[in-house]
Amino acid sequence: MNNIDLMNYWIESSDRDYESMKKNFETKQYTWALFIGHLTIEKLLKALYAKVNKNNPYPPKIHNLVILANRCNIELDDKKTTILITCNSFNISARYEDYKDEFYKRCTEKFTSEQIKNIEEVRTWLKEMLI
């Protein structure tokens, strides 16, 4: 695949995950909504990586959003850095048993709603860079 094909692949996958995140929130599956929210952002960063790395568009097989953003040469302000660091915790907390119970307790409707707003803000920002 060339970089445009890869970019489109990651965008389409991210869009599907975004819809899944919203459905999980609607059905009160808050931990999964946030886990999938992390994937939504991760895939957009991988799309951006493909866009800016034409000669080697395959993104690294990592999940750390801050590192992915840095590898895309994105300058992050403090707010976006904080959002990405927080989103990183959704990937870890929903995946590993020793974190799941604590994460489940933290994921109230209010907390999840606030985090989804942050995810949507970053999603919009990244999508603008992909145009």
C-alpha atoms as a PDB file:
ATOM      1  CA  MET A   1       0.000   0.000   0.000  1.00  0.00           C
ATOM      2  CA  ASN A   2       1.133   3.520  -0.652  1.00  0.00           C
ATOM      3  CA  ASN A   3       0.862   6.241   1.960  1.00  0.00           C
ATOM      4  CA  ILE A   4      -2.529   7.509   0.733  1.00  0.00           C
ATOM      5  CA  ASP A   5      -4.032   4.007   0.833  1.00  0.00           C
ATOM      6  CA  LEU A   6      -2.671   3.486   4.340  1.00  0.00           C
ATOM      7  CA  MET A   7      -3.884   6.882   5.462  1.00  0.00           C
ATOM      8  CA  ASN A   8      -7.402   6.106   4.206  1.00  0.00           C
ATOM      9  CA  TYR A   9      -7.321   2.665   5.815  1.00  0.00           C
ATOM     10  CA  TRP A  10      -6.511   4.149   9.235  1.00  0.00           C
ATOM     11  CA  ILE A  11      -9.092   6.938   8.867  1.00  0.00           C
ATOM     12  CA  GLU A  12     -11.882   4.524   7.931  1.00  0.00           C
ATOM     13  CA  SER A  13     -10.979   2.203  10.793  1.00  0.00           C
ATOM     14  CA  SER A  14     -10.903   5.139  13.204  1.00  0.00           C
ATOM     15  CA  ASP A  15     -14.322   6.307  12.017  1.00  0.00           C
ATOM     16  CA  ARG A  16     -15.791   2.847  12.688  1.00  0.00           C
ATOM     17  CA  ASP A  17     -14.235   2.847  16.152  1.00  0.00           C
ATOM     18  CA  TYR A  18     -15.613   6.322  16.827  1.00  0.00           C
ATOM     19  CA  GLU A  19     -19.143   5.077  16.101  1.00  0.00           C
ATOM     20  CA  SER A  20     -18.527   2.068  18.341  1.00  0.00           C
ATOM     21  CA  MET A  21     -17.293   4.361  21.126  1.00  0.00           C
ATOM     22  CA  LYS A  22     -20.547   6.338  20.954  1.00  0.00           C
ATOM     23  CA  LYS A  23     -22.681   3.173  20.996  1.00  0.00           C
ATOM     24  CA  ASN A  24     -20.766   1.818  23.985  1.00  0.00           C
ATOM     25  CA  PHE A  25     -21.353   5.084  25.821  1.00  0.00           C
ATOM     26  CA  GLU A  26     -25.072   5.013  24.993  1.00  0.00           C
ATOM     27  CA  THR A  27     -25.334   1.496  26.428  1.00  0.00           C
ATOM     28  CA  LYS A  28     -23.359   2.505  29.540  1.00  0.00           C
ATOM     29  CA  GLN A  29     -20.330   0.397  28.649  1.00  0.00           C
ATOM     30  CA  TYR A  30     -18.098   3.204  29.832  1.00  0.00           C
ATOM     31  CA  THR A  31     -14.784   1.368  30.132  1.00  0.00           C
ATOM     32  CA  TRP A  32     -15.109   0.000  26.609  1.00  0.00           C
ATOM     33  CA  ALA A  33     -16.206   3.373  25.273  1.00  0.00           C
ATOM     34  CA  LEU A  34     -12.971   4.906  26.547  1.00  0.00           C
ATOM     35  CA  PHE A  35     -10.841   1.974  25.413  1.00  0.00           C
ATOM     36  CA  ILE A  36     -12.257   2.363  21.911  1.00  0.00           C
ATOM     37  CA  GLY A  37     -11.852   6.133  22.198  1.00  0.00           C
ATOM     38  CA  HIS A  38      -8.126   5.519  22.613  1.00  0.00           C
ATOM     39  CA  LEU A  39      -8.171   3.386  19.445  1.00  0.00           C
ATOM     40  CA  THR A  40     -10.007   6.159  17.594  1.00  0.00           C
ATOM     41  CA  ILE A  41      -7.198   8.604  18.326  1.00  0.00           C
ATOM     42  CA  GLU A  42      -4.415   6.038  17.843  1.00  0.00           C
ATOM     43  CA  LYS A  43      -5.642   5.210  14.354  1.00  0.00           C
ATOM     44  CA  LEU A  44      -5.898   8.862  13.348  1.00  0.00           C
ATOM     45  CA  LEU A  45      -2.327   9.378  14.502  1.00  0.00           C
ATOM     46  CA  LYS A  46      -1.289   6.366  12.435  1.00  0.00           C
ATOM     47  CA  ALA A  47      -3.104   7.893   9.441  1.00  0.00           C
ATOM     48  CA  LEU A  48      -1.210  11.117   9.988  1.00  0.00           C
ATOM     49  CA  TYR A  49       2.021   9.151  10.286  1.00  0.00           C
ATOM     50  CA  ALA A  50       1.314   7.594   6.871  1.00  0.00           C
ATOM     51  CA  LYS A  51       0.605  11.047   5.436  1.00  0.00           C
ATOM     52  CA  VAL A  52       3.837  12.641   6.650  1.00  0.00           C
ATOM     53  CA  ASN A  53       6.110   9.637   6.045  1.00  0.00           C
ATOM     54  CA  LYS A  54       5.594   9.034   2.347  1.00  0.00           C
ATOM     55  CA  ASN A  55       8.717   6.908   1.919  1.00  0.00           C
ATOM     56  CA  ASN A  56       7.967   4.675   4.902  1.00  0.00           C
ATOM     57  CA  PRO A  57       4.238   5.074   5.653  1.00  0.00           C
ATOM     58  CA  TYR A  58       3.858   2.059   7.927  1.00  0.00           C
ATOM     59  CA  PRO A  59       3.449   3.407  11.468  1.00  0.00           C
ATOM     60  CA  PRO A  60       5.291   1.877  14.403  1.00  0.00           C
ATOM     61  CA  LYS A  61       3.430  -0.865  16.247  1.00  0.00           C
ATOM     62  CA  ILE A  62       3.004   1.134  19.415  1.00  0.00           C
ATOM     63  CA  HIS A  63      -0.030   2.442  21.275  1.00  0.00           C
ATOM     64  CA  ASN A  64       1.422   5.434  23.128  1.00  0.00           C
ATOM     65  CA  LEU A  65      -0.391   8.442  21.713  1.00  0.00           C
ATOM     66  CA  VAL A  66       2.204  11.005  22.772  1.00  0.00           C
ATOM     67  CA  ILE A  67       5.008   9.068  21.107  1.00  0.00           C
ATOM     68  CA  LEU A  68       2.916   8.611  17.957  1.00  0.00           C
ATOM     69  CA  ALA A  69       2.180  12.346  17.868  1.00  0.00           C
ATOM     70  CA  ASN A  70       5.877  13.126  18.254  1.00  0.00           C
ATOM     71  CA  ARG A  71       6.725  10.753  15.400  1.00  0.00           C
ATOM     72  CA  CYS A  72       4.237  12.672  13.263  1.00  0.00           C
ATOM     73  CA  ASN A  73       6.096  15.904  14.101  1.00  0.00           C
ATOM     74  CA  ILE A  74       3.030  17.324  15.825  1.00  0.00           C
ATOM     75  CA  GLU A  75       3.610  20.078  18.325  1.00  0.00           C
ATOM     76  CA  LEU A  76       1.419  19.408  21.328  1.00  0.00           C
ATOM     77  CA  ASP A  77       0.311  22.109  23.718  1.00  0.00           C
ATOM     78  CA  ASP A  78      -0.113  21.265  27.390  1.00  0.00           C
ATOM     79  CA  LYS A  79      -3.844  20.587  27.074  1.00  0.00           C
ATOM     80  CA  LYS A  80      -3.496  18.127  24.191  1.00  0.00           C
ATOM     81  CA  THR A  81      -0.541  16.424  25.876  1.00  0.00           C
ATOM     82  CA  THR A  82      -2.650  15.928  28.999  1.00  0.00           C
ATOM     83  CA  ILE A  83      -5.554  14.539  26.960  1.00  0.00           C
ATOM     84  CA  LEU A  84      -3.285  12.088  25.142  1.00  0.00           C
ATOM     85  CA  ILE A  85      -1.632  10.952  28.374  1.00  0.00           C
ATOM     86  CA  THR A  86      -5.067  10.416  29.917  1.00  0.00           C
ATOM     87  CA  CYS A  87      -6.212   8.485  26.825  1.00  0.00           C
ATOM     88  CA  ASN A  88      -3.121   6.288  27.103  1.00  0.00           C
ATOM     89  CA  SER A  89      -4.391   5.161  30.494  1.00  0.00           C
ATOM     90  CA  PHE A  90      -7.649   3.952  28.899  1.00  0.00           C
ATOM     91  CA  ASN A  91      -5.684   1.510  26.763  1.00  0.00           C
ATOM     92  CA  ILE A  92      -3.798   0.078  29.736  1.00  0.00           C
ATOM     93  CA  SER A  93      -6.631   0.156  32.257  1.00  0.00           C
ATOM     94  CA  ALA A  94      -9.196  -1.593  30.077  1.00  0.00           C
ATOM     95  CA  ARG A  95      -6.749  -4.223  28.868  1.00  0.00           C
ATOM     96  CA  TYR A  96      -5.083  -5.599  31.983  1.00  0.00           C
ATOM     97  CA  GLU A  97      -6.928  -7.383  34.764  1.00  0.00           C
ATOM     98  CA  ASP A  98      -5.086  -5.752  37.654  1.00  0.00           C
ATOM     99  CA  TYR A  99      -6.231  -2.311  36.455  1.00  0.00           C
ATOM    100  CA  LYS A 100      -9.759  -3.165  35.304  1.00  0.00           C
ATOM    101  CA  ASP A 101     -11.579  -2.953  38.640  1.00  0.00           C
ATOM    102  CA  GLU A 102     -10.095   0.417  39.542  1.00  0.00           C
ATOM    103  CA  PHE A 103     -10.760   1.718  36.026  1.00  0.00           C
ATOM    104  CA  TYR A 104     -14.348   0.447  36.118  1.00  0.00           C
ATOM    105  CA  LYS A 105     -14.992   2.406  39.343  1.00  0.00           C
ATOM    106  CA  ARG A 106     -13.473   5.548  37.835  1.00  0.00           C
ATOM    107  CA  CYS A 107     -15.585   5.377  34.675  1.00  0.00           C
ATOM    108  CA  THR A 108     -18.747   7.046  35.854  1.00  0.00           C
ATOM    109  CA  GLU A 109     -21.111   8.537  33.310  1.00  0.00           C
ATOM    110  CA  LYS A 110     -19.818  12.029  34.122  1.00  0.00           C
ATOM    111  CA  PHE A 111     -16.129  11.081  33.881  1.00  0.00           C
ATOM    112  CA  THR A 112     -16.678   9.155  30.647  1.00  0.00           C
ATOM    113  CA  SER A 113     -18.719  11.956  29.107  1.00  0.00           C
ATOM    114  CA  GLU A 114     -15.963  14.479  29.889  1.00  0.00           C
ATOM    115  CA  GLN A 115     -13.301  12.204  28.418  1.00  0.00           C
ATOM    116  CA  ILE A 116     -15.338  11.577  25.276  1.00  0.00           C
ATOM    117  CA  LYS A 117     -15.564  15.337  24.768  1.00  0.00           C
ATOM    118  CA  ASN A 118     -11.761  15.476  24.985  1.00  0.00           C
ATOM    119  CA  ILE A 119     -11.451  12.583  22.534  1.00  0.00           C
ATOM    120  CA  GLU A 120     -13.819  14.343  20.131  1.00  0.00           C
ATOM    121  CA  GLU A 121     -11.802  17.557  20.397  1.00  0.00           C
ATOM    122  CA  VAL A 122      -8.561  15.749  19.536  1.00  0.00           C
ATOM    123  CA  ARG A 123     -10.317  13.758  16.810  1.00  0.00           C
ATOM    124  CA  THR A 124     -11.518  16.953  15.116  1.00  0.00           C
ATOM    125  CA  TRP A 125      -8.049  18.506  15.395  1.00  0.00           C
ATOM    126  CA  LEU A 126      -6.350  15.444  13.877  1.00  0.00           C
ATOM    127  CA  LYS A 127      -8.922  15.127  11.093  1.00  0.00           C
ATOM    128  CA  GLU A 128      -8.229  18.743  10.110  1.00  0.00           C
ATOM    129  CA  MET A 129      -4.560  17.835   9.680  1.00  0.00           C
ATOM    130  CA  LEU A 130      -5.516  14.903   7.471  1.00  0.00           C
ATOM    131  CA  ILE A 131      -7.387  16.990   4.906  1.00  0.00           C
END
